[in-house]
Structure formats: structure tokens, C-alpha cells
């Protein structure tokens, strides 16, 4: 009988751990989904900014002499 009680206790402990792990996986899944949505939003914003700068892109080569400091 003590062997059966030990097995039952170990089984109960494993079931409790499984429940905690399921909860942890669900929580992590929520965090990952939120982060992915944020990444997608940021990628969209970067694309939009690149398109915006490509439209009004300055010449490829600019000399620093062409840009005078504000006090001149």
C-alpha cells in the first residue's frame, strides 16, 4: 500500500507541474503574439519611412563645405 500512495503522490505532483507549465506556455504565447504584432507595426513604419525618404532623397554625394554652420 505505501508504494501505491507514493505513486499517487508523484502522479499528483506531475499533474500540478503540468498545469503550471500549461499556464506558463499560454502566458508566453500571449507575450510572443503581442511582440510579433509590435514588430509588424515597426516594420511597416520603417518601410513607410524608407519610401518617404526615397521620394525626397538628397544627392548621393554631399560635401560638408556645402553645409555651413548656422552662425555663418
PDB file of N, CA and C in Angstrom:
ATOM      1  N   UNK A   1       0.798  -1.196   0.000  1.00  0.00           N
ATOM      2  CA  UNK A   1       0.000   0.000   0.000  1.00  0.00           C
ATOM      3  C   UNK A   1       0.851   1.276   0.000  1.00  0.00           C
ATOM      4  N   UNK A   2       1.947   1.335   0.741  1.00  0.00           N
ATOM      5  CA  UNK A   2       2.747   2.547   0.743  1.00  0.00           C
ATOM      6  C   UNK A   2       3.289   2.869  -0.663  1.00  0.00           C
ATOM      7  N   UNK A   3       3.553   1.845  -1.439  1.00  0.00           N
ATOM      8  CA  UNK A   3       4.054   2.057  -2.801  1.00  0.00           C
ATOM      9  C   UNK A   3       2.985   2.749  -3.656  1.00  0.00           C
ATOM     10  N   UNK A   4       1.740   2.348  -3.498  1.00  0.00           N
ATOM     11  CA  UNK A   4       0.638   2.960  -4.245  1.00  0.00           C
ATOM     12  C   UNK A   4       0.443   4.415  -3.825  1.00  0.00           C
ATOM     13  N   UNK A   5       0.598   4.696  -2.547  1.00  0.00           N
ATOM     14  CA  UNK A   5       0.459   6.064  -2.039  1.00  0.00           C
ATOM     15  C   UNK A   5       1.591   6.942  -2.592  1.00  0.00           C
ATOM     16  N   UNK A   6       2.781   6.384  -2.655  1.00  0.00           N
ATOM     17  CA  UNK A   6       3.919   7.125  -3.198  1.00  0.00           C
ATOM     18  C   UNK A   6       3.704   7.417  -4.689  1.00  0.00           C
ATOM     19  N   UNK A   7       3.223   6.435  -5.415  1.00  0.00           N
ATOM     20  CA  UNK A   7       2.953   6.607  -6.836  1.00  0.00           C
ATOM     21  C   UNK A   7       1.855   7.648  -7.054  1.00  0.00           C
ATOM     22  N   UNK A   8       0.827   7.609  -6.237  1.00  0.00           N
ATOM     23  CA  UNK A   8      -0.266   8.573  -6.355  1.00  0.00           C
ATOM     24  C   UNK A   8       0.230   9.983  -6.055  1.00  0.00           C
ATOM     25  N   UNK A   9       1.088  10.125  -5.062  1.00  0.00           N
ATOM     26  CA  UNK A   9       1.639  11.436  -4.715  1.00  0.00           C
ATOM     27  C   UNK A   9       2.517  11.970  -5.847  1.00  0.00           C
ATOM     28  N   UNK A  10       3.330  11.084  -6.428  1.00  0.00           N
ATOM     29  CA  UNK A  10       4.177  11.506  -7.547  1.00  0.00           C
ATOM     30  C   UNK A  10       3.339  11.899  -8.764  1.00  0.00           C
ATOM     31  N   UNK A  11       2.278  11.142  -9.014  1.00  0.00           N
ATOM     32  CA  UNK A  11       1.390  11.444 -10.124  1.00  0.00           C
ATOM     33  C   UNK A  11       0.701  12.789  -9.904  1.00  0.00           C
ATOM     34  N   UNK A  12       0.251  13.043  -8.699  1.00  0.00           N
ATOM     35  CA  UNK A  12      -0.388  14.321  -8.381  1.00  0.00           C
ATOM     36  C   UNK A  12       0.602  15.477  -8.553  1.00  0.00           C
ATOM     37  N   UNK A  13       1.825  15.273  -8.118  1.00  0.00           N
ATOM     38  CA  UNK A  13       2.857  16.304  -8.277  1.00  0.00           C
ATOM     39  C   UNK A  13       3.111  16.597  -9.756  1.00  0.00           C
ATOM     40  N   UNK A  14       3.175  15.553 -10.572  1.00  0.00           N
ATOM     41  CA  UNK A  14       3.380  15.743 -12.002  1.00  0.00           C
ATOM     42  C   UNK A  14       2.194  16.463 -12.656  1.00  0.00           C
ATOM     43  N   UNK A  15       0.982  16.146 -12.223  1.00  0.00           N
ATOM     44  CA  UNK A  15      -0.206  16.812 -12.756  1.00  0.00           C
ATOM     45  C   UNK A  15      -0.200  18.299 -12.409  1.00  0.00           C
ATOM     46  N   UNK A  16       0.208  18.622 -11.204  1.00  0.00           N
ATOM     47  CA  UNK A  16       0.279  20.031 -10.784  1.00  0.00           C
ATOM     48  C   UNK A  16       1.323  20.770 -11.626  1.00  0.00           C
ATOM     49  N   UNK A  17       2.480  20.133 -11.807  1.00  0.00           N
ATOM     50  CA  UNK A  17       3.517  20.757 -12.636  1.00  0.00           C
ATOM     51  C   UNK A  17       3.034  20.952 -14.065  1.00  0.00           C
ATOM     52  N   UNK A  18       2.300  19.994 -14.598  1.00  0.00           N
ATOM     53  CA  UNK A  18       1.787  20.103 -15.963  1.00  0.00           C
ATOM     54  C   UNK A  18       0.824  21.277 -16.085  1.00  0.00           C
ATOM     55  N   UNK A  19      -0.014  21.479 -15.081  1.00  0.00           N
ATOM     56  CA  UNK A  19      -0.946  22.603 -15.105  1.00  0.00           C
ATOM     57  C   UNK A  19      -0.183  23.922 -15.080  1.00  0.00           C
ATOM     58  N   UNK A  20       0.824  24.023 -14.227  1.00  0.00           N
ATOM     59  CA  UNK A  20       1.634  25.251 -14.182  1.00  0.00           C
ATOM     60  C   UNK A  20       2.355  25.483 -15.513  1.00  0.00           C
ATOM     61  N   UNK A  21       2.860  24.423 -16.118  1.00  0.00           N
ATOM     62  CA  UNK A  21       3.558  24.560 -17.396  1.00  0.00           C
ATOM     63  C   UNK A  21       2.596  24.990 -18.502  1.00  0.00           C
ATOM     64  N   UNK A  22       1.387  24.460 -18.500  1.00  0.00           N
ATOM     65  CA  UNK A  22       0.388  24.877 -19.484  1.00  0.00           C
ATOM     66  C   UNK A  22       0.071  26.362 -19.332  1.00  0.00           C
ATOM     67  N   UNK A  23      -0.058  26.803 -18.101  1.00  0.00           N
ATOM     68  CA  UNK A  23      -0.329  28.223 -17.846  1.00  0.00           C
ATOM     69  C   UNK A  23       0.847  29.082 -18.312  1.00  0.00           C
ATOM     70  N   UNK A  24       2.058  28.637 -18.051  1.00  0.00           N
ATOM     71  CA  UNK A  24       3.247  29.365 -18.474  1.00  0.00           C
ATOM     72  C   UNK A  24       3.325  29.444 -19.999  1.00  0.00           C
ATOM     73  N   UNK A  25       3.053  28.348 -20.682  1.00  0.00           N
ATOM     74  CA  UNK A  25       3.081  28.339 -22.146  1.00  0.00           C
ATOM     75  C   UNK A  25       2.031  29.288 -22.696  1.00  0.00           C
ATOM     76  N   UNK A  26       0.844  29.299 -22.116  1.00  0.00           N
ATOM     77  CA  UNK A  26      -0.199  30.226 -22.560  1.00  0.00           C
ATOM     78  C   UNK A  26       0.238  31.672 -22.359  1.00  0.00           C
ATOM     79  N   UNK A  27       0.845  31.966 -21.219  1.00  0.00           N
ATOM     80  CA  UNK A  27       1.320  33.324 -20.945  1.00  0.00           C
ATOM     81  C   UNK A  27       2.415  33.729 -21.930  1.00  0.00           C
ATOM     82  N   UNK A  28       3.355  32.841 -22.176  1.00  0.00           N
ATOM     83  CA  UNK A  28       4.432  33.133 -23.114  1.00  0.00           C
ATOM     84  C   UNK A  28       3.897  33.295 -24.532  1.00  0.00           C
ATOM     85  N   UNK A  29       2.911  32.507 -24.894  1.00  0.00           N
ATOM     86  CA  UNK A  29       2.306  32.624 -26.213  1.00  0.00           C
ATOM     87  C   UNK A  29       1.659  33.996 -26.383  1.00  0.00           C
ATOM     88  N   UNK A  30       1.010  34.483 -25.347  1.00  0.00           N
ATOM     89  CA  UNK A  30       0.395  35.807 -25.394  1.00  0.00           C
ATOM     90  C   UNK A  30       1.462  36.886 -25.570  1.00  0.00           C
ATOM     91  N   UNK A  31       2.552  36.763 -24.843  1.00  0.00           N
ATOM     92  CA  UNK A  31       3.637  37.737 -24.938  1.00  0.00           C
ATOM     93  C   UNK A  31       4.250  37.714 -26.338  1.00  0.00           C
ATOM     94  N   UNK A  32       4.494  36.529 -26.871  1.00  0.00           N
ATOM     95  CA  UNK A  32       5.093  36.405 -28.194  1.00  0.00           C
ATOM     96  C   UNK A  32       4.158  36.978 -29.259  1.00  0.00           C
ATOM     97  N   UNK A  33       2.870  36.721 -29.146  1.00  0.00           N
ATOM     98  CA  UNK A  33       1.913  37.260 -30.113  1.00  0.00           C
ATOM     99  C   UNK A  33       1.893  38.783 -30.056  1.00  0.00           C
ATOM    100  N   UNK A  34       1.932  39.350 -28.859  1.00  0.00           N
ATOM    101  CA  UNK A  34       1.949  40.807 -28.698  1.00  0.00           C
ATOM    102  C   UNK A  34       3.243  41.393 -29.284  1.00  0.00           C
ATOM    103  N   UNK A  35       4.364  40.745 -29.019  1.00  0.00           N
ATOM    104  CA  UNK A  35       5.636  41.213 -29.557  1.00  0.00           C
ATOM    105  C   UNK A  35       5.655  41.137 -31.080  1.00  0.00           C
ATOM    106  N   UNK A  36       5.089  40.072 -31.646  1.00  0.00           N
ATOM    107  CA  UNK A  36       5.054  39.943 -33.097  1.00  0.00           C
ATOM    108  C   UNK A  36       4.201  41.044 -33.721  1.00  0.00           C
ATOM    109  N   UNK A  37       3.089  41.375 -33.081  1.00  0.00           N
ATOM    110  CA  UNK A  37       2.253  42.462 -33.583  1.00  0.00           C
ATOM    111  C   UNK A  37       3.023  43.784 -33.544  1.00  0.00           C
ATOM    112  N   UNK A  38       3.778  43.989 -32.484  1.00  0.00           N
ATOM    113  CA  UNK A  38       4.581  45.205 -32.364  1.00  0.00           C
ATOM    114  C   UNK A  38       5.685  45.236 -33.426  1.00  0.00           C
ATOM    115  N   UNK A  39       6.333  44.117 -33.654  1.00  0.00           N
ATOM    116  CA  UNK A  39       7.370  44.024 -34.680  1.00  0.00           C
ATOM    117  C   UNK A  39       6.775  44.318 -36.047  1.00  0.00           C
ATOM    118  N   UNK A  40       5.611  43.747 -36.340  1.00  0.00           N
ATOM    119  CA  UNK A  40       4.965  44.004 -37.625  1.00  0.00           C
ATOM    120  C   UNK A  40       4.662  45.482 -37.800  1.00  0.00           C
ATOM    121  N   UNK A  41       4.181  46.123 -36.746  1.00  0.00           N
ATOM    122  CA  UNK A  41       3.891  47.549 -36.805  1.00  0.00           C
ATOM    123  C   UNK A  41       5.166  48.360 -37.059  1.00  0.00           C
ATOM    124  N   UNK A  42       6.239  48.007 -36.376  1.00  0.00           N
ATOM    125  CA  UNK A  42       7.507  48.713 -36.563  1.00  0.00           C
ATOM    126  C   UNK A  42       8.074  48.504 -37.965  1.00  0.00           C
ATOM    127  N   UNK A  43       7.961  47.296 -38.494  1.00  0.00           N
ATOM    128  CA  UNK A  43       8.433  47.034 -39.853  1.00  0.00           C
ATOM    129  C   UNK A  43       7.644  47.856 -40.864  1.00  0.00           C
ATOM    130  N   UNK A  44       6.356  47.948 -40.656  1.00  0.00           N
ATOM    131  CA  UNK A  44       5.519  48.765 -41.541  1.00  0.00           C
ATOM    132  C   UNK A  44       5.960  50.230 -41.476  1.00  0.00           C
ATOM    133  N   UNK A  45       6.232  50.700 -40.285  1.00  0.00           N
ATOM    134  CA  UNK A  45       6.664  52.091 -40.106  1.00  0.00           C
ATOM    135  C   UNK A  45       8.022  52.337 -40.771  1.00  0.00           C
ATOM    136  N   UNK A  46       8.940  51.392 -40.657  1.00  0.00           N
ATOM    137  CA  UNK A  46      10.258  51.526 -41.291  1.00  0.00           C
ATOM    138  C   UNK A  46      10.101  51.562 -42.809  1.00  0.00           C
ATOM    139  N   UNK A  47       9.244  50.687 -43.344  1.00  0.00           N
ATOM    140  CA  UNK A  47       9.002  50.702 -44.789  1.00  0.00           C
ATOM    141  C   UNK A  47       8.443  52.048 -45.236  1.00  0.00           C
ATOM    142  N   UNK A  48       7.494  52.566 -44.477  1.00  0.00           N
ATOM    143  CA  UNK A  48       6.880  53.847 -44.817  1.00  0.00           C
ATOM    144  C   UNK A  48       7.919  54.967 -44.781  1.00  0.00           C
ATOM    145  N   UNK A  49       8.770  54.957 -43.769  1.00  0.00           N
ATOM    146  CA  UNK A  49       9.808  55.984 -43.670  1.00  0.00           C
ATOM    147  C   UNK A  49      10.827  55.865 -44.805  1.00  0.00           C
ATOM    148  N   UNK A  50      11.178  54.638 -45.177  1.00  0.00           N
ATOM    149  CA  UNK A  50      12.113  54.451 -46.294  1.00  0.00           C
ATOM    150  C   UNK A  50      11.512  54.980 -47.591  1.00  0.00           C
ATOM    151  N   UNK A  51      10.241  54.678 -47.808  1.00  0.00           N
ATOM    152  CA  UNK A  51       9.583  55.177 -49.016  1.00  0.00           C
ATOM    153  C   UNK A  51       9.535  56.702 -48.996  1.00  0.00           C
ATOM    154  N   UNK A  52       9.281  57.252 -47.843  1.00  0.00           N
ATOM    155  CA  UNK A  52       9.199  58.710 -47.710  1.00  0.00           C
ATOM    156  C   UNK A  52      10.553  59.351 -47.990  1.00  0.00           C
ATOM    157  N   UNK A  53      11.625  58.768 -47.494  1.00  0.00           N
ATOM    158  CA  UNK A  53      12.952  59.348 -47.720  1.00  0.00           C
ATOM    159  C   UNK A  53      13.430  59.083 -49.137  1.00  0.00           C
ATOM    160  N   UNK A  54      13.007  57.992 -49.756  1.00  0.00           N
ATOM    161  CA  UNK A  54      13.399  57.716 -51.136  1.00  0.00           C
ATOM    162  C   UNK A  54      12.792  58.739 -52.088  1.00  0.00           C
ATOM    163  N   UNK A  55      11.594  59.222 -51.771  1.00  0.00           N
ATOM    164  CA  UNK A  55      10.934  60.192 -52.635  1.00  0.00           C
ATOM    165  C   UNK A  55      11.676  61.525 -52.640  1.00  0.00           C
ATOM    166  N   UNK A  56      12.138  61.970 -51.511  1.00  0.00           N
ATOM    167  CA  UNK A  56      12.848  63.241 -51.425  1.00  0.00           C
ATOM    168  C   UNK A  56      14.309  63.043 -51.108  1.00  0.00           C
ATOM    169  N   UNK A  57      14.893  62.005 -51.674  1.00  0.00           N
ATOM    170  CA  UNK A  57      16.286  61.670 -51.361  1.00  0.00           C
ATOM    171  C   UNK A  57      17.234  62.746 -51.878  1.00  0.00           C
ATOM    172  N   UNK A  58      18.184  63.144 -51.051  1.00  0.00           N
ATOM    173  CA  UNK A  58      19.190  64.119 -51.483  1.00  0.00           C
ATOM    174  C   UNK A  58      20.172  63.454 -52.443  1.00  0.00           C
ATOM    175  N   UNK A  59      21.009  64.250 -53.106  1.00  0.00           N
ATOM    176  CA  UNK A  59      22.016  63.650 -53.998  1.00  0.00           C
ATOM    177  C   UNK A  59      22.904  62.676 -53.220  1.00  0.00           C
ATOM    178  N   UNK A  60      23.466  61.727 -53.932  1.00  0.00           N
ATOM    179  CA  UNK A  60      24.265  60.681 -53.292  1.00  0.00           C
ATOM    180  C   UNK A  60      25.505  61.251 -52.609  1.00  0.00           C
ATOM    181  N   UNK A  61      26.128  62.288 -53.193  1.00  0.00           N
ATOM    182  CA  UNK A  61      27.341  62.845 -52.619  1.00  0.00           C
ATOM    183  C   UNK A  61      27.082  64.290 -52.208  1.00  0.00           C
ATOM    184  N   UNK A  62      27.399  64.591 -50.962  1.00  0.00           N
ATOM    185  CA  UNK A  62      27.279  65.969 -50.470  1.00  0.00           C
ATOM    186  C   UNK A  62      28.557  66.340 -49.751  1.00  0.00           C
ATOM    187  N   UNK A  63      29.055  67.486 -50.062  1.00  0.00           N
ATOM    188  CA  UNK A  63      30.271  67.958 -49.417  1.00  0.00           C
ATOM    189  C   UNK A  63      29.890  68.671 -48.126  1.00  0.00           C
ATOM    190  N   UNK A  64      30.715  68.504 -47.116  1.00  0.00           N
ATOM    191  CA  UNK A  64      30.479  69.204 -45.859  1.00  0.00           C
ATOM    192  C   UNK A  64      30.645  70.706 -46.018  1.00  0.00           C
ATOM    193  N   UNK A  65      31.395  71.133 -47.036  1.00  0.00           N
ATOM    194  CA  UNK A  65      31.569  72.571 -47.297  1.00  0.00           C
ATOM    195  C   UNK A  65      30.253  73.201 -47.750  1.00  0.00           C
ATOM    196  N   UNK A  66      29.368  72.387 -48.336  1.00  0.00           N
ATOM    197  CA  UNK A  66      28.084  72.909 -48.787  1.00  0.00           C
ATOM    198  C   UNK A  66      27.142  73.195 -47.617  1.00  0.00           C
ATOM    199  N   UNK A  67      27.429  72.595 -46.482  1.00  0.00           N
ATOM    200  CA  UNK A  67      26.577  72.775 -45.306  1.00  0.00           C
ATOM    201  C   UNK A  67      27.291  73.675 -44.305  1.00  0.00           C
ATOM    202  N   UNK A  68      26.981  74.931 -44.335  1.00  0.00           N
ATOM    203  CA  UNK A  68      27.603  75.887 -43.411  1.00  0.00           C
ATOM    204  C   UNK A  68      26.923  75.822 -42.058  1.00  0.00           C
ATOM    205  N   UNK A  69      27.695  75.994 -41.004  1.00  0.00           N
ATOM    206  CA  UNK A  69      27.093  76.036 -39.676  1.00  0.00           C
ATOM    207  C   UNK A  69      26.134  77.208 -39.558  1.00  0.00           C
ATOM    208  N   UNK A  70      25.221  77.186 -38.625  1.00  0.00           N
ATOM    209  CA  UNK A  70      24.202  78.228 -38.502  1.00  0.00           C
ATOM    210  C   UNK A  70      24.758  79.622 -38.244  1.00  0.00           C
ATOM    211  N   UNK A  71      25.951  79.760 -37.703  1.00  0.00           N
ATOM    212  CA  UNK A  71      26.474  81.080 -37.369  1.00  0.00           C
ATOM    213  C   UNK A  71      27.098  81.804 -38.564  1.00  0.00           C
ATOM    214  N   UNK A  72      27.137  81.207 -39.756  1.00  0.00           N
ATOM    215  CA  UNK A  72      27.682  81.875 -40.944  1.00  0.00           C
ATOM    216  C   UNK A  72      26.589  82.541 -41.731  1.00  0.00           C
TER     217      UNK A  72
END
